[in-house]
């Protein structure tokens, strides 16, 4: 559960959310990408309120916002480079 979150990361920079287990890091990341919808408040990313975007526009917004989750779920039979390249190929094929 998150309360009163206001996070600003300057464009062109990389931010990190750190804290102890159970602090809400994964919940925050899931809310930023609307993989989990907040029960109140709004989610703004890069100046756009993404809270109520239609599914197609939301997919585009998710692609523009890079998130690395704690459990990356890498495929064991692929190299690190192949794991990184896989979603990039998938995204390119949808265009």
N, C-alpha and C. Protein backbone atom coordinates (compact mmCIF):
# COMPACT_ATOMS: atom_id res chain seq x y z
N UNK A 1 0.85 -1.17 0.00
CA UNK A 1 0.00 0.00 0.00
C UNK A 1 0.90 1.24 0.00
N UNK A 2 0.56 2.18 -0.85
CA UNK A 2 1.32 3.42 -0.95
C UNK A 2 0.47 4.58 -0.46
N UNK A 3 1.10 5.56 0.16
CA UNK A 3 0.40 6.75 0.64
C UNK A 3 1.20 7.99 0.27
N UNK A 4 0.54 8.98 -0.29
CA UNK A 4 1.14 10.30 -0.55
C UNK A 4 2.49 10.22 -1.26
N UNK A 5 2.53 9.56 -2.41
CA UNK A 5 3.77 9.42 -3.17
C UNK A 5 3.85 10.54 -4.19
N UNK A 6 4.97 11.24 -4.20
CA UNK A 6 5.24 12.27 -5.19
C UNK A 6 6.69 12.07 -5.60
N UNK A 7 6.92 11.58 -6.80
CA UNK A 7 8.26 11.25 -7.25
C UNK A 7 8.54 12.00 -8.55
N UNK A 8 9.62 12.76 -8.58
CA UNK A 8 10.02 13.48 -9.78
C UNK A 8 11.43 13.07 -10.15
N UNK A 9 11.59 12.60 -11.39
CA UNK A 9 12.90 12.23 -11.91
C UNK A 9 13.11 13.06 -13.16
N UNK A 10 14.18 13.83 -13.20
CA UNK A 10 14.43 14.73 -14.33
C UNK A 10 14.61 13.95 -15.62
N UNK A 11 14.09 14.50 -16.71
CA UNK A 11 14.22 13.87 -18.02
C UNK A 11 15.69 13.64 -18.35
N UNK A 12 15.97 12.48 -18.91
CA UNK A 12 17.33 12.16 -19.31
C UNK A 12 18.20 11.63 -18.19
N UNK A 13 17.61 11.43 -17.01
CA UNK A 13 18.36 10.88 -15.89
C UNK A 13 17.81 9.51 -15.54
N UNK A 14 18.52 8.81 -14.71
CA UNK A 14 18.09 7.50 -14.24
C UNK A 14 17.83 7.60 -12.75
N UNK A 15 16.68 7.13 -12.32
CA UNK A 15 16.35 7.14 -10.91
C UNK A 15 16.26 5.73 -10.37
N UNK A 16 16.40 5.59 -9.09
CA UNK A 16 16.28 4.29 -8.44
C UNK A 16 15.45 4.45 -7.19
N UNK A 17 14.63 3.46 -6.93
CA UNK A 17 13.84 3.42 -5.70
C UNK A 17 14.41 2.28 -4.88
N UNK A 18 14.90 2.60 -3.70
CA UNK A 18 15.50 1.60 -2.83
C UNK A 18 14.81 1.62 -1.47
N UNK A 19 14.88 0.50 -0.81
CA UNK A 19 14.28 0.41 0.52
C UNK A 19 14.18 -1.03 0.94
N UNK A 20 13.79 -1.25 2.18
CA UNK A 20 13.70 -2.61 2.69
C UNK A 20 12.56 -3.38 2.04
N UNK A 21 12.60 -4.68 2.17
CA UNK A 21 11.55 -5.54 1.67
C UNK A 21 10.21 -5.12 2.27
N UNK A 22 9.21 -5.01 1.43
CA UNK A 22 7.88 -4.63 1.91
C UNK A 22 7.63 -3.14 1.95
N UNK A 23 8.60 -2.34 1.52
CA UNK A 23 8.45 -0.89 1.58
C UNK A 23 7.53 -0.33 0.50
N UNK A 24 7.26 -1.11 -0.56
CA UNK A 24 6.37 -0.65 -1.62
C UNK A 24 7.05 -0.34 -2.93
N UNK A 25 8.32 -0.73 -3.08
CA UNK A 25 9.07 -0.43 -4.31
C UNK A 25 8.41 -1.05 -5.54
N UNK A 26 8.09 -2.33 -5.47
CA UNK A 26 7.47 -3.01 -6.60
C UNK A 26 6.07 -2.48 -6.86
N UNK A 27 5.34 -2.17 -5.81
CA UNK A 27 4.00 -1.60 -5.98
C UNK A 27 4.09 -0.26 -6.68
N UNK A 28 5.06 0.56 -6.31
CA UNK A 28 5.26 1.85 -6.97
C UNK A 28 5.57 1.65 -8.45
N UNK A 29 6.49 0.75 -8.77
CA UNK A 29 6.85 0.50 -10.16
C UNK A 29 5.64 0.00 -10.94
N UNK A 30 4.84 -0.86 -10.35
CA UNK A 30 3.65 -1.37 -11.03
C UNK A 30 2.61 -0.27 -11.22
N UNK A 31 2.52 0.65 -10.29
CA UNK A 31 1.58 1.77 -10.45
C UNK A 31 2.05 2.75 -11.53
N UNK A 32 3.34 3.00 -11.60
CA UNK A 32 3.86 3.92 -12.62
C UNK A 32 3.52 3.39 -14.02
N UNK A 33 3.58 2.08 -14.21
CA UNK A 33 3.26 1.47 -15.50
C UNK A 33 1.79 1.06 -15.61
N UNK A 34 1.02 1.34 -14.59
CA UNK A 34 -0.39 0.96 -14.50
C UNK A 34 -0.61 -0.54 -14.68
N UNK A 35 0.40 -1.33 -14.28
CA UNK A 35 0.19 -2.77 -14.18
C UNK A 35 -0.67 -3.04 -12.96
N UNK A 36 -0.64 -2.10 -12.04
CA UNK A 36 -1.53 -2.09 -10.88
C UNK A 36 -2.12 -0.69 -10.83
N UNK A 37 -3.42 -0.59 -10.77
CA UNK A 37 -4.06 0.72 -10.81
C UNK A 37 -4.25 1.26 -9.39
N UNK A 38 -3.89 2.51 -9.18
CA UNK A 38 -4.08 3.09 -7.85
C UNK A 38 -5.58 3.25 -7.54
N UNK A 39 -5.91 3.10 -6.28
CA UNK A 39 -7.31 3.25 -5.88
C UNK A 39 -7.70 4.71 -5.74
N UNK A 40 -6.70 5.59 -5.66
CA UNK A 40 -6.97 7.03 -5.63
C UNK A 40 -5.75 7.75 -6.20
N UNK A 41 -5.95 8.98 -6.57
CA UNK A 41 -4.85 9.77 -7.12
C UNK A 41 -4.67 9.53 -8.61
N UNK A 42 -3.67 10.16 -9.18
CA UNK A 42 -3.39 10.10 -10.61
C UNK A 42 -1.93 9.71 -10.81
N UNK A 43 -1.64 9.13 -11.96
CA UNK A 43 -0.28 8.78 -12.33
C UNK A 43 0.11 9.62 -13.54
N UNK A 44 1.13 10.45 -13.36
CA UNK A 44 1.65 11.31 -14.44
C UNK A 44 3.04 10.83 -14.80
N UNK A 45 3.27 10.63 -16.09
CA UNK A 45 4.59 10.24 -16.58
C UNK A 45 4.93 11.15 -17.75
N UNK A 46 6.06 11.82 -17.66
CA UNK A 46 6.54 12.72 -18.72
C UNK A 46 5.47 13.75 -19.10
N UNK A 47 4.80 14.30 -18.11
CA UNK A 47 3.81 15.34 -18.36
C UNK A 47 2.46 14.84 -18.85
N UNK A 48 2.27 13.53 -18.92
CA UNK A 48 1.01 12.96 -19.39
C UNK A 48 0.34 12.19 -18.26
N UNK A 49 -0.95 12.48 -18.05
CA UNK A 49 -1.73 11.71 -17.09
C UNK A 49 -2.07 10.38 -17.74
N UNK A 50 -1.42 9.31 -17.30
CA UNK A 50 -1.61 7.99 -17.92
C UNK A 50 -2.70 7.18 -17.23
N UNK A 51 -3.29 7.72 -16.19
CA UNK A 51 -4.24 6.97 -15.38
C UNK A 51 -5.39 6.39 -16.19
N UNK A 52 -5.95 7.16 -17.11
CA UNK A 52 -7.13 6.71 -17.85
C UNK A 52 -6.88 6.57 -19.36
N UNK A 53 -5.63 6.37 -19.75
CA UNK A 53 -5.34 6.24 -21.18
C UNK A 53 -6.00 5.00 -21.76
N UNK A 54 -6.47 5.08 -23.00
CA UNK A 54 -6.95 3.86 -23.67
C UNK A 54 -5.80 2.86 -23.79
N UNK A 55 -6.12 1.59 -23.90
CA UNK A 55 -5.12 0.52 -23.87
C UNK A 55 -3.99 0.73 -24.88
N UNK A 56 -4.30 1.12 -26.09
CA UNK A 56 -3.27 1.32 -27.12
C UNK A 56 -2.29 2.42 -26.72
N UNK A 57 -2.80 3.54 -26.24
CA UNK A 57 -1.94 4.64 -25.80
C UNK A 57 -1.15 4.25 -24.56
N UNK A 58 -1.76 3.46 -23.69
CA UNK A 58 -1.06 3.00 -22.49
C UNK A 58 0.12 2.11 -22.86
N UNK A 59 -0.06 1.23 -23.84
CA UNK A 59 1.05 0.39 -24.30
C UNK A 59 2.20 1.25 -24.82
N UNK A 60 1.87 2.30 -25.56
CA UNK A 60 2.90 3.21 -26.07
C UNK A 60 3.63 3.90 -24.91
N UNK A 61 2.87 4.35 -23.92
CA UNK A 61 3.47 5.03 -22.76
C UNK A 61 4.37 4.07 -21.98
N UNK A 62 3.96 2.82 -21.86
CA UNK A 62 4.78 1.83 -21.14
C UNK A 62 6.11 1.60 -21.85
N UNK A 63 6.08 1.57 -23.19
CA UNK A 63 7.32 1.37 -23.95
C UNK A 63 8.29 2.52 -23.74
N UNK A 64 7.76 3.73 -23.57
CA UNK A 64 8.61 4.91 -23.42
C UNK A 64 9.20 5.00 -22.02
N UNK A 65 8.63 4.28 -21.08
CA UNK A 65 9.08 4.34 -19.68
C UNK A 65 9.76 3.03 -19.32
N UNK A 66 11.06 3.03 -19.19
CA UNK A 66 11.78 1.81 -18.87
C UNK A 66 11.74 1.50 -17.39
N UNK A 67 11.35 0.30 -17.04
CA UNK A 67 11.31 -0.14 -15.66
C UNK A 67 12.01 -1.48 -15.54
N UNK A 68 12.87 -1.61 -14.56
CA UNK A 68 13.54 -2.88 -14.29
C UNK A 68 13.02 -3.36 -12.94
N UNK A 69 12.35 -4.50 -12.96
CA UNK A 69 11.80 -5.04 -11.73
C UNK A 69 12.84 -5.89 -11.01
N UNK A 70 12.65 -6.07 -9.74
CA UNK A 70 13.57 -6.81 -8.89
C UNK A 70 13.77 -8.24 -9.40
N UNK A 71 12.70 -8.91 -9.81
CA UNK A 71 12.79 -10.25 -10.36
C UNK A 71 12.71 -10.14 -11.88
N UNK A 72 13.83 -10.23 -12.53
CA UNK A 72 13.88 -9.99 -13.97
C UNK A 72 13.34 -11.16 -14.78
N UNK A 73 13.28 -12.36 -14.21
CA UNK A 73 12.77 -13.54 -14.92
C UNK A 73 13.51 -13.77 -16.24
N UNK A 74 14.81 -13.80 -16.19
CA UNK A 74 15.61 -14.04 -17.38
C UNK A 74 15.47 -15.49 -17.82
N UNK A 75 15.59 -15.71 -19.11
CA UNK A 75 15.55 -17.06 -19.66
C UNK A 75 16.94 -17.67 -19.54
N UNK A 76 17.05 -18.80 -18.89
CA UNK A 76 18.33 -19.43 -18.59
C UNK A 76 19.09 -19.87 -19.83
N UNK A 77 18.39 -20.20 -20.87
CA UNK A 77 19.06 -20.71 -22.08
C UNK A 77 19.54 -19.58 -23.00
N UNK A 78 19.35 -18.35 -22.60
CA UNK A 78 19.79 -17.22 -23.40
C UNK A 78 20.90 -16.47 -22.67
N UNK A 79 21.75 -15.82 -23.45
CA UNK A 79 22.79 -14.98 -22.84
C UNK A 79 22.13 -13.71 -22.32
N UNK A 80 22.88 -12.93 -21.56
CA UNK A 80 22.35 -11.66 -21.06
C UNK A 80 21.93 -10.78 -22.23
N UNK A 81 22.77 -10.69 -23.26
CA UNK A 81 22.45 -9.86 -24.43
C UNK A 81 21.18 -10.35 -25.12
N UNK A 82 21.00 -11.67 -25.24
CA UNK A 82 19.80 -12.21 -25.87
C UNK A 82 18.55 -11.91 -25.04
N UNK A 83 18.67 -11.95 -23.72
CA UNK A 83 17.55 -11.61 -22.85
C UNK A 83 17.16 -10.14 -23.00
N UNK A 84 18.15 -9.27 -23.12
CA UNK A 84 17.88 -7.84 -23.28
C UNK A 84 17.27 -7.58 -24.66
N UNK A 85 17.77 -8.24 -25.69
CA UNK A 85 17.32 -8.00 -27.06
C UNK A 85 15.91 -8.52 -27.33
N UNK A 86 15.48 -9.55 -26.60
CA UNK A 86 14.20 -10.19 -26.88
C UNK A 86 13.02 -9.21 -26.85
N UNK A 87 12.82 -8.43 -25.79
CA UNK A 87 11.67 -7.51 -25.80
C UNK A 87 11.84 -6.39 -26.82
N UNK A 88 13.08 -6.04 -27.13
CA UNK A 88 13.29 -5.00 -28.14
C UNK A 88 12.82 -5.48 -29.50
N UNK A 89 13.12 -6.73 -29.84
CA UNK A 89 12.64 -7.31 -31.10
C UNK A 89 11.13 -7.40 -31.11
N UNK A 90 10.56 -7.79 -29.98
CA UNK A 90 9.11 -7.92 -29.87
C UNK A 90 8.43 -6.58 -30.09
N UNK A 91 8.97 -5.52 -29.50
CA UNK A 91 8.42 -4.17 -29.65
C UNK A 91 8.53 -3.71 -31.09
N UNK A 92 9.68 -3.94 -31.72
CA UNK A 92 9.89 -3.51 -33.10
C UNK A 92 8.95 -4.22 -34.05
N UNK A 93 8.63 -5.47 -33.79
CA UNK A 93 7.76 -6.23 -34.70
C UNK A 93 6.32 -5.77 -34.62
N UNK A 94 5.93 -5.08 -33.54
CA UNK A 94 4.54 -4.60 -33.40
C UNK A 94 4.31 -3.28 -34.11
N UNK A 95 5.36 -2.63 -34.56
CA UNK A 95 5.21 -1.31 -35.17
C UNK A 95 4.78 -1.39 -36.58
